Amino acid sequence: MYEIKYNKVKPKTGSLLISEPLMIDDIFQRAVILLCEYGKDGSYGVILNKASDYKVNQIVKELPNFDAPIYIGGPISLDNIFILHTLGDIVPNSYHIIDNYYWGGDFDVINNMLNNNEITSADIRFFVGYSSWETGQLKNELKVNSWAVSNKKYPILHYDDKLLWNAITKTLGKNYNFWTKLPKDPMMN
């Protein structure tokens, strides 16, 4: 049997968490999570590669022409919409995560920009829910090898979400190549 070991990369705000390949929890199976905040008092992020069956315009009535998918960011606060974007300071009250990735901000500004076709789905992603860890929880999950961590730069909004887990896993190095060859369901091996 293969031994899956924690890669010892320290997580930080902006890190990517890559779920180990045999995780059976549906929402986290083959998930890539962007850590929007990492700290001693807890952490939160969004799953980048779990598109729902719904489009933004089906959920957000103010955006009737924006038919990009809504993503499932995690199991917490599923009745709220969250926004990840690359618009920076153009959107007031945005929280800078890393590089050109920002969280939230003034929805009216985003709404106007989308309705005026000033931005596209390559600039922004909508989520229902988010993923969260209490103090020490993520550290413990890393110790038991539930996640690998990557601090490499990657164009996360510009990648097909169905291929993202494999693509990010391959950047972890040759010791992780076998992850991409394992079946999603270990009983099907």
Foldseek 3Di string as FASTA:
>chain_A
DDDFAAPPDDDAQQKWKAFFQADPPVVRHRWIWHWNGDDQFKTKTFTLQAFDPAAPCVPPVLQVPGGHTAGAGDDPQQVDKKKKFQPPPLFAPWDDRDDRITIDGDVVSVSVCNVVVVDHQLGMHMYGYIDMDGRPRVVVCSRVNRIYIDPDDDSSSPDNSVCVSVVVQPVSDPSSNVSVVADSHNVVD
